[in-house]
Amino acid sequence: MGRAFEFRKERKFKRWSQMSKVFTRLGKEIVMAVKAGGPDPANNSKLRTVIQNAKGASMPKDRIEAAIKRASNKDEKNYEEIVYEGYGPYGVAVIIETSTDNTNRTVANIRSYFTKSGGSLGTSGSVSFMFDKKAVFRFAHGNLDIEELELELIDYGLDEIAENEGEIFVYTAFEDFGKMQKALEDRHIDIINADFQWFPATTVELAEEQEEEINKLIERLEEDDDINQVFTNVA
């Protein structure tokens, strides 16, 4: 019983830790969106998207409003979005999306994670050419006819549409994000989440122990508060 309790406690702590990191990232995105386009989501599509994502992640309403208010203060620090690229052990390509108020700190930390894992931080474009950057929209299936929706969205840059566990996923090219977002909003579809993801053109197969080493690198990266998402070309 004691070990079972400790396991549940550890799992709960990990879940709360992950949620806290998600809320921190969303708070940064709200700040960047407000500073770029103002505090009114009706006139700021980027802020509207971040608020949708925050609600989809169960971020409390008062925390969202506080972030918007804080971002409206001219003295509030801004964040810079930077993508880093490199190679992990066994030549695995790694793309890291960050939002930071201190680029020196961020790049130093990322270089350290790579070095300790036996990899190396690369220059811009060193691995991104191996990936396709796509926009991904997620929303509830509801009563939507997925085949009819697919036909309607082709003219707005639809690349792929998929269904999983009562939700629909729409994939489109990075540059078609705004066009697709408007198409979904015009159809009164409540978007749960909309973000960008990197999909490898080809993947590499690793042995189990090699994959464990890559996972350790990914864990180190994801624990860093400046890092939002990590993508690799591991199969």
C-alpha atoms as a PDB file:
ATOM      1  CA  MET A   1       0.000   0.000   0.000  1.00  0.00           C
ATOM      2  CA  GLY A   2       2.823   2.380   0.857  1.00  0.00           C
ATOM      3  CA  ARG A   3       4.565   1.893  -2.493  1.00  0.00           C
ATOM      4  CA  ALA A   4       1.270   2.302  -4.372  1.00  0.00           C
ATOM      5  CA  PHE A   5       0.634   5.568  -2.529  1.00  0.00           C
ATOM      6  CA  GLU A   6       4.120   6.850  -3.341  1.00  0.00           C
ATOM      7  CA  PHE A   7       3.642   5.922  -7.009  1.00  0.00           C
ATOM      8  CA  ARG A   8       0.322   7.807  -7.185  1.00  0.00           C
ATOM      9  CA  LYS A   9       1.887  10.797  -5.440  1.00  0.00           C
ATOM     10  CA  GLU A  10       4.836  10.816  -7.836  1.00  0.00           C
ATOM     11  CA  ARG A  11       2.536  10.527 -10.856  1.00  0.00           C
ATOM     12  CA  LYS A  12       0.342  13.365  -9.570  1.00  0.00           C
ATOM     13  CA  PHE A  13       3.397  15.568  -8.966  1.00  0.00           C
ATOM     14  CA  LYS A  14       4.688  14.861 -12.484  1.00  0.00           C
ATOM     15  CA  ARG A  15       1.292  15.728 -13.960  1.00  0.00           C
ATOM     16  CA  TRP A  16       1.142  19.016 -12.046  1.00  0.00           C
ATOM     17  CA  SER A  17       4.734  19.789 -13.029  1.00  0.00           C
ATOM     18  CA  GLN A  18       3.912  19.250 -16.709  1.00  0.00           C
ATOM     19  CA  MET A  19       0.769  21.381 -16.408  1.00  0.00           C
ATOM     20  CA  SER A  20       2.739  24.168 -14.729  1.00  0.00           C
ATOM     21  CA  LYS A  21       5.247  24.158 -17.609  1.00  0.00           C
ATOM     22  CA  VAL A  22       2.422  24.311 -20.164  1.00  0.00           C
ATOM     23  CA  PHE A  23       0.850  27.269 -18.337  1.00  0.00           C
ATOM     24  CA  THR A  24       4.229  29.046 -18.199  1.00  0.00           C
ATOM     25  CA  ARG A  25       4.699  28.568 -21.953  1.00  0.00           C
ATOM     26  CA  LEU A  26       1.167  29.791 -22.693  1.00  0.00           C
ATOM     27  CA  GLY A  27       1.725  32.821 -20.453  1.00  0.00           C
ATOM     28  CA  LYS A  28       4.792  33.739 -22.527  1.00  0.00           C
ATOM     29  CA  GLU A  29       2.823  33.282 -25.759  1.00  0.00           C
ATOM     30  CA  ILE A  30       0.090  35.588 -24.449  1.00  0.00           C
ATOM     31  CA  VAL A  31       2.690  38.253 -23.636  1.00  0.00           C
ATOM     32  CA  MET A  32       4.234  38.003 -27.120  1.00  0.00           C
ATOM     33  CA  ALA A  33       0.830  38.077 -28.832  1.00  0.00           C
ATOM     34  CA  VAL A  34      -0.376  41.122 -26.875  1.00  0.00           C
ATOM     35  CA  LYS A  35       2.850  43.055 -27.458  1.00  0.00           C
ATOM     36  CA  ALA A  36       2.684  42.240 -31.175  1.00  0.00           C
ATOM     37  CA  GLY A  37      -1.001  42.945 -31.828  1.00  0.00           C
ATOM     38  CA  GLY A  38      -2.715  44.433 -28.778  1.00  0.00           C
ATOM     39  CA  PRO A  39      -4.888  43.013 -25.958  1.00  0.00           C
ATOM     40  CA  ASP A  40      -8.164  42.598 -27.888  1.00  0.00           C
ATOM     41  CA  PRO A  41      -8.490  39.027 -29.238  1.00  0.00           C
ATOM     42  CA  ALA A  42     -11.193  40.155 -31.679  1.00  0.00           C
ATOM     43  CA  ASN A  43      -8.546  42.203 -33.512  1.00  0.00           C
ATOM     44  CA  ASN A  44      -5.561  39.975 -32.767  1.00  0.00           C
ATOM     45  CA  SER A  45      -5.744  36.547 -34.382  1.00  0.00           C
ATOM     46  CA  LYS A  46      -2.522  35.376 -32.733  1.00  0.00           C
ATOM     47  CA  LEU A  47      -3.840  36.231 -29.276  1.00  0.00           C
ATOM     48  CA  ARG A  48      -7.149  34.565 -30.157  1.00  0.00           C
ATOM     49  CA  THR A  49      -5.274  31.371 -31.028  1.00  0.00           C
ATOM     50  CA  VAL A  50      -3.236  31.408 -27.812  1.00  0.00           C
ATOM     51  CA  ILE A  51      -6.384  31.942 -25.710  1.00  0.00           C
ATOM     52  CA  GLN A  52      -8.024  28.983 -27.475  1.00  0.00           C
ATOM     53  CA  ASN A  53      -4.965  26.858 -26.720  1.00  0.00           C
ATOM     54  CA  ALA A  54      -4.939  28.025 -23.087  1.00  0.00           C
ATOM     55  CA  LYS A  55      -8.594  27.075 -22.621  1.00  0.00           C
ATOM     56  CA  GLY A  56      -7.925  23.729 -24.314  1.00  0.00           C
ATOM     57  CA  ALA A  57      -5.126  23.125 -21.798  1.00  0.00           C
ATOM     58  CA  SER A  58      -7.493  23.975 -18.889  1.00  0.00           C
ATOM     59  CA  MET A  59      -5.566  27.127 -17.983  1.00  0.00           C
ATOM     60  CA  PRO A  60      -7.721  29.061 -15.458  1.00  0.00           C
ATOM     61  CA  LYS A  61      -9.590  32.048 -16.887  1.00  0.00           C
ATOM     62  CA  ASP A  62      -8.218  34.429 -14.243  1.00  0.00           C
ATOM     63  CA  ARG A  63      -4.672  33.376 -15.109  1.00  0.00           C
ATOM     64  CA  ILE A  64      -5.300  34.081 -18.814  1.00  0.00           C
ATOM     65  CA  GLU A  65      -6.752  37.515 -18.005  1.00  0.00           C
ATOM     66  CA  ALA A  66      -3.858  38.287 -15.655  1.00  0.00           C
ATOM     67  CA  ALA A  67      -1.339  37.438 -18.390  1.00  0.00           C
ATOM     68  CA  ILE A  68      -3.107  39.742 -20.869  1.00  0.00           C
ATOM     69  CA  LYS A  69      -3.196  42.572 -18.324  1.00  0.00           C
ATOM     70  CA  ARG A  70       0.461  42.041 -17.414  1.00  0.00           C
ATOM     71  CA  ALA A  71       1.485  42.014 -21.077  1.00  0.00           C
ATOM     72  CA  SER A  72      -0.251  45.363 -21.628  1.00  0.00           C
ATOM     73  CA  ASN A  73       2.211  46.960 -19.193  1.00  0.00           C
ATOM     74  CA  LYS A  74       5.026  48.569 -21.189  1.00  0.00           C
ATOM     75  CA  ASP A  75       7.498  47.577 -18.474  1.00  0.00           C
ATOM     76  CA  GLU A  76       6.694  43.877 -18.857  1.00  0.00           C
ATOM     77  CA  LYS A  77       9.598  42.016 -20.446  1.00  0.00           C
ATOM     78  CA  ASN A  78       9.076  40.518 -23.878  1.00  0.00           C
ATOM     79  CA  TYR A  79      10.171  37.141 -25.167  1.00  0.00           C
ATOM     80  CA  GLU A  80      11.877  36.148 -28.365  1.00  0.00           C
ATOM     81  CA  GLU A  81      10.962  32.998 -30.257  1.00  0.00           C
ATOM     82  CA  ILE A  82      14.062  31.180 -31.538  1.00  0.00           C
ATOM     83  CA  VAL A  83      14.444  27.766 -33.154  1.00  0.00           C
ATOM     84  CA  TYR A  84      17.662  25.844 -32.465  1.00  0.00           C
ATOM     85  CA  GLU A  85      18.899  22.852 -34.437  1.00  0.00           C
ATOM     86  CA  GLY A  86      21.429  20.163 -33.755  1.00  0.00           C
ATOM     87  CA  TYR A  87      22.403  16.523 -33.767  1.00  0.00           C
ATOM     88  CA  GLY A  88      21.923  14.212 -30.823  1.00  0.00           C
ATOM     89  CA  PRO A  89      23.803  10.943 -30.362  1.00  0.00           C
ATOM     90  CA  TYR A  90      23.698   8.511 -33.309  1.00  0.00           C
ATOM     91  CA  GLY A  91      23.182  11.391 -35.728  1.00  0.00           C
ATOM     92  CA  VAL A  92      19.584  12.027 -34.668  1.00  0.00           C
ATOM     93  CA  ALA A  93      18.331  15.387 -35.985  1.00  0.00           C
ATOM     94  CA  VAL A  94      16.801  17.611 -33.288  1.00  0.00           C
ATOM     95  CA  ILE A  95      14.742  20.801 -33.603  1.00  0.00           C
ATOM     96  CA  ILE A  96      14.064  22.884 -30.480  1.00  0.00           C
ATOM     97  CA  GLU A  97      11.501  25.687 -30.266  1.00  0.00           C
ATOM     98  CA  THR A  98      12.108  28.244 -27.527  1.00  0.00           C
ATOM     99  CA  SER A  99      10.731  31.497 -26.168  1.00  0.00           C
ATOM    100  CA  THR A 100      13.225  33.390 -24.053  1.00  0.00           C
ATOM    101  CA  ASP A 101      14.063  36.737 -22.494  1.00  0.00           C
ATOM    102  CA  ASN A 102      17.758  35.834 -22.355  1.00  0.00           C
ATOM    103  CA  THR A 103      19.179  34.247 -25.510  1.00  0.00           C
ATOM    104  CA  ASN A 104      22.666  33.883 -24.010  1.00  0.00           C
ATOM    105  CA  ARG A 105      21.306  31.745 -21.192  1.00  0.00           C
ATOM    106  CA  THR A 106      19.148  29.675 -23.520  1.00  0.00           C
ATOM    107  CA  VAL A 107      21.809  28.867 -26.103  1.00  0.00           C
ATOM    108  CA  ALA A 108      24.374  28.075 -23.388  1.00  0.00           C
ATOM    109  CA  ASN A 109      21.978  25.638 -21.721  1.00  0.00           C
ATOM    110  CA  ILE A 110      21.018  23.943 -24.995  1.00  0.00           C
ATOM    111  CA  ARG A 111      24.673  23.585 -26.042  1.00  0.00           C
ATOM    112  CA  SER A 112      25.400  22.009 -22.653  1.00  0.00           C
ATOM    113  CA  TYR A 113      22.571  19.475 -23.031  1.00  0.00           C
ATOM    114  CA  PHE A 114      23.857  18.452 -26.459  1.00  0.00           C
ATOM    115  CA  THR A 115      27.473  18.201 -25.329  1.00  0.00           C
ATOM    116  CA  LYS A 116      26.625  16.054 -22.282  1.00  0.00           C
ATOM    117  CA  SER A 117      24.642  13.672 -24.496  1.00  0.00           C
ATOM    118  CA  GLY A 118      27.435  13.294 -27.062  1.00  0.00           C
ATOM    119  CA  GLY A 119      25.675  15.466 -29.630  1.00  0.00           C
ATOM    120  CA  SER A 120      26.314  18.952 -30.977  1.00  0.00           C
ATOM    121  CA  LEU A 121      24.383  22.176 -31.449  1.00  0.00           C
ATOM    122  CA  GLY A 122      24.218  23.128 -35.133  1.00  0.00           C
ATOM    123  CA  THR A 123      23.628  26.307 -37.079  1.00  0.00           C
ATOM    124  CA  SER A 124      20.316  27.546 -38.462  1.00  0.00           C
ATOM    125  CA  GLY A 125      19.229  25.303 -41.342  1.00  0.00           C
ATOM    126  CA  SER A 126      21.584  22.466 -40.429  1.00  0.00           C
ATOM    127  CA  VAL A 127      18.742  19.974 -39.858  1.00  0.00           C
ATOM    128  CA  SER A 128      15.478  21.820 -40.573  1.00  0.00           C
ATOM    129  CA  PHE A 129      15.759  20.943 -44.273  1.00  0.00           C
ATOM    130  CA  MET A 130      14.988  17.353 -43.206  1.00  0.00           C
ATOM    131  CA  PHE A 131      11.596  18.387 -41.780  1.00  0.00           C
ATOM    132  CA  ASP A 132       8.307  19.842 -42.984  1.00  0.00           C
ATOM    133  CA  LYS A 133       6.799  22.499 -40.733  1.00  0.00           C
ATOM    134  CA  LYS A 134       3.022  22.190 -40.607  1.00  0.00           C
ATOM    135  CA  ALA A 135       0.120  23.829 -38.804  1.00  0.00           C
ATOM    136  CA  VAL A 136      -2.051  21.418 -36.833  1.00  0.00           C
ATOM    137  CA  PHE A 137      -5.598  22.233 -35.698  1.00  0.00           C
ATOM    138  CA  ARG A 138      -7.451  20.047 -33.193  1.00  0.00           C
ATOM    139  CA  PHE A 139     -11.169  20.204 -32.419  1.00  0.00           C
ATOM    140  CA  ALA A 140     -14.033  17.986 -31.258  1.00  0.00           C
ATOM    141  CA  HIS A 141     -15.663  15.755 -33.863  1.00  0.00           C
ATOM    142  CA  GLY A 142     -19.201  16.469 -32.666  1.00  0.00           C
ATOM    143  CA  ASN A 143     -21.693  16.075 -35.517  1.00  0.00           C
ATOM    144  CA  LEU A 144     -19.238  17.103 -38.238  1.00  0.00           C
ATOM    145  CA  ASP A 145     -19.174  15.113 -41.459  1.00  0.00           C
ATOM    146  CA  ILE A 146     -15.437  14.539 -41.887  1.00  0.00           C
ATOM    147  CA  GLU A 147     -15.666  13.740 -45.617  1.00  0.00           C
ATOM    148  CA  GLU A 148     -17.710  16.865 -46.334  1.00  0.00           C
ATOM    149  CA  LEU A 149     -15.367  18.964 -44.191  1.00  0.00           C
ATOM    150  CA  GLU A 150     -12.372  17.593 -46.075  1.00  0.00           C
ATOM    151  CA  LEU A 151     -13.837  18.719 -49.407  1.00  0.00           C
ATOM    152  CA  GLU A 152     -14.643  22.177 -48.012  1.00  0.00           C
ATOM    153  CA  LEU A 153     -11.146  22.737 -46.609  1.00  0.00           C
ATOM    154  CA  ILE A 154      -9.127  21.726 -49.671  1.00  0.00           C
ATOM    155  CA  ASP A 155      -9.354  25.284 -51.036  1.00  0.00           C
ATOM    156  CA  TYR A 156      -7.891  26.610 -47.770  1.00  0.00           C
ATOM    157  CA  GLY A 157      -4.679  24.593 -47.911  1.00  0.00           C
ATOM    158  CA  LEU A 158      -5.775  21.298 -46.359  1.00  0.00           C
ATOM    159  CA  ASP A 159      -2.914  18.814 -46.440  1.00  0.00           C
ATOM    160  CA  GLU A 160      -4.426  16.024 -44.369  1.00  0.00           C
ATOM    161  CA  ILE A 161      -7.386  15.385 -42.065  1.00  0.00           C
ATOM    162  CA  ALA A 162      -7.539  12.635 -39.450  1.00  0.00           C
ATOM    163  CA  GLU A 163      -9.812  11.463 -36.664  1.00  0.00           C
ATOM    164  CA  ASN A 164      -8.771  10.045 -33.295  1.00  0.00           C
ATOM    165  CA  GLU A 165     -10.763   9.393 -30.110  1.00  0.00           C
ATOM    166  CA  GLY A 166     -13.594  11.777 -30.910  1.00  0.00           C
ATOM    167  CA  GLU A 167     -11.351  14.577 -32.159  1.00  0.00           C
ATOM    168  CA  ILE A 168     -10.458  15.811 -35.640  1.00  0.00           C
ATOM    169  CA  PHE A 169      -6.936  16.870 -36.631  1.00  0.00           C
ATOM    170  CA  VAL A 170      -6.420  19.154 -39.625  1.00  0.00           C
ATOM    171  CA  TYR A 171      -2.927  19.541 -41.084  1.00  0.00           C
ATOM    172  CA  THR A 172      -1.881  22.327 -43.422  1.00  0.00           C
ATOM    173  CA  ALA A 173       1.301  24.009 -44.618  1.00  0.00           C
ATOM    174  CA  PHE A 174       2.921  26.516 -42.260  1.00  0.00           C
ATOM    175  CA  GLU A 175       2.131  29.436 -44.579  1.00  0.00           C
ATOM    176  CA  ASP A 176      -1.578  28.484 -44.774  1.00  0.00           C
ATOM    177  CA  PHE A 177      -2.156  28.757 -41.018  1.00  0.00           C
ATOM    178  CA  GLY A 178      -4.117  32.027 -41.101  1.00  0.00           C
ATOM    179  CA  LYS A 179      -6.225  30.970 -44.052  1.00  0.00           C
ATOM    180  CA  MET A 180      -7.182  27.672 -42.407  1.00  0.00           C
ATOM    181  CA  GLN A 181      -7.841  29.297 -39.043  1.00  0.00           C
ATOM    182  CA  LYS A 182     -10.314  31.703 -40.639  1.00  0.00           C
ATOM    183  CA  ALA A 183     -11.986  28.876 -42.583  1.00  0.00           C
ATOM    184  CA  LEU A 184     -12.587  26.926 -39.374  1.00  0.00           C
ATOM    185  CA  GLU A 185     -13.769  29.997 -37.464  1.00  0.00           C
ATOM    186  CA  ASP A 186     -16.171  30.918 -40.284  1.00  0.00           C
ATOM    187  CA  ARG A 187     -17.706  27.453 -39.857  1.00  0.00           C
ATOM    188  CA  HIS A 188     -18.109  28.118 -36.102  1.00  0.00           C
ATOM    189  CA  ILE A 189     -15.781  25.261 -35.236  1.00  0.00           C
ATOM    190  CA  ASP A 190     -14.395  25.603 -31.710  1.00  0.00           C
ATOM    191  CA  ILE A 191     -10.666  24.987 -32.039  1.00  0.00           C
ATOM    192  CA  ILE A 192      -9.220  23.246 -28.976  1.00  0.00           C
ATOM    193  CA  ASN A 193      -5.616  23.694 -30.013  1.00  0.00           C
ATOM    194  CA  ALA A 194      -3.686  25.151 -32.959  1.00  0.00           C
ATOM    195  CA  ASP A 195       0.088  25.011 -33.205  1.00  0.00           C
ATOM    196  CA  PHE A 196       3.036  24.258 -35.468  1.00  0.00           C
ATOM    197  CA  GLN A 197       4.866  20.948 -35.589  1.00  0.00           C
ATOM    198  CA  TRP A 198       7.925  19.662 -37.433  1.00  0.00           C
ATOM    199  CA  PHE A 199       7.500  16.373 -39.301  1.00  0.00           C
ATOM    200  CA  PRO A 200      10.634  14.524 -40.495  1.00  0.00           C
ATOM    201  CA  ALA A 201      10.759  13.694 -44.209  1.00  0.00           C
ATOM    202  CA  THR A 202      12.611  10.480 -43.332  1.00  0.00           C
ATOM    203  CA  THR A 203      13.192   8.779 -39.996  1.00  0.00           C
ATOM    204  CA  VAL A 204      16.018   6.827 -38.371  1.00  0.00           C
ATOM    205  CA  GLU A 205      15.644   3.481 -36.629  1.00  0.00           C
ATOM    206  CA  LEU A 206      17.415   3.043 -33.291  1.00  0.00           C
ATOM    207  CA  ALA A 207      18.033   0.133 -30.985  1.00  0.00           C
ATOM    208  CA  GLU A 208      16.217   0.253 -27.650  1.00  0.00           C
ATOM    209  CA  GLU A 209      19.254   1.357 -25.627  1.00  0.00           C
ATOM    210  CA  GLN A 210      20.071   4.033 -28.221  1.00  0.00           C
ATOM    211  CA  GLU A 211      16.519   5.355 -28.057  1.00  0.00           C
ATOM    212  CA  GLU A 212      16.836   5.557 -24.275  1.00  0.00           C
ATOM    213  CA  GLU A 213      19.832   7.881 -24.687  1.00  0.00           C
ATOM    214  CA  ILE A 214      17.869  10.117 -27.055  1.00  0.00           C
ATOM    215  CA  ASN A 215      14.947  10.185 -24.628  1.00  0.00           C
ATOM    216  CA  LYS A 216      17.268  11.334 -21.847  1.00  0.00           C
ATOM    217  CA  LEU A 217      18.403  14.254 -24.021  1.00  0.00           C
ATOM    218  CA  ILE A 218      14.786  15.128 -24.848  1.00  0.00           C
ATOM    219  CA  GLU A 219      13.848  15.022 -21.150  1.00  0.00           C
ATOM    220  CA  ARG A 220      16.699  17.389 -20.249  1.00  0.00           C
ATOM    221  CA  LEU A 221      15.622  19.783 -22.978  1.00  0.00           C
ATOM    222  CA  GLU A 222      11.933  19.673 -22.057  1.00  0.00           C
ATOM    223  CA  GLU A 223      12.699  20.393 -18.398  1.00  0.00           C
ATOM    224  CA  ASP A 224      14.207  23.765 -19.385  1.00  0.00           C
ATOM    225  CA  ASP A 225      11.689  26.596 -18.904  1.00  0.00           C
ATOM    226  CA  ASP A 226      12.911  28.379 -22.040  1.00  0.00           C
ATOM    227  CA  ILE A 227      12.117  25.382 -24.253  1.00  0.00           C
ATOM    228  CA  ASN A 228       8.612  24.894 -25.631  1.00  0.00           C
ATOM    229  CA  GLN A 229       8.791  21.857 -27.907  1.00  0.00           C
ATOM    230  CA  VAL A 230      11.359  19.341 -29.112  1.00  0.00           C
ATOM    231  CA  PHE A 231      11.165  17.388 -32.387  1.00  0.00           C
ATOM    232  CA  THR A 232      13.393  14.587 -33.705  1.00  0.00           C
ATOM    233  CA  ASN A 233      13.566  12.311 -36.711  1.00  0.00           C
ATOM    234  CA  VAL A 234      13.514   9.115 -34.641  1.00  0.00           C
ATOM    235  CA  ALA A 235      11.055   6.563 -36.075  1.00  0.00           C
END
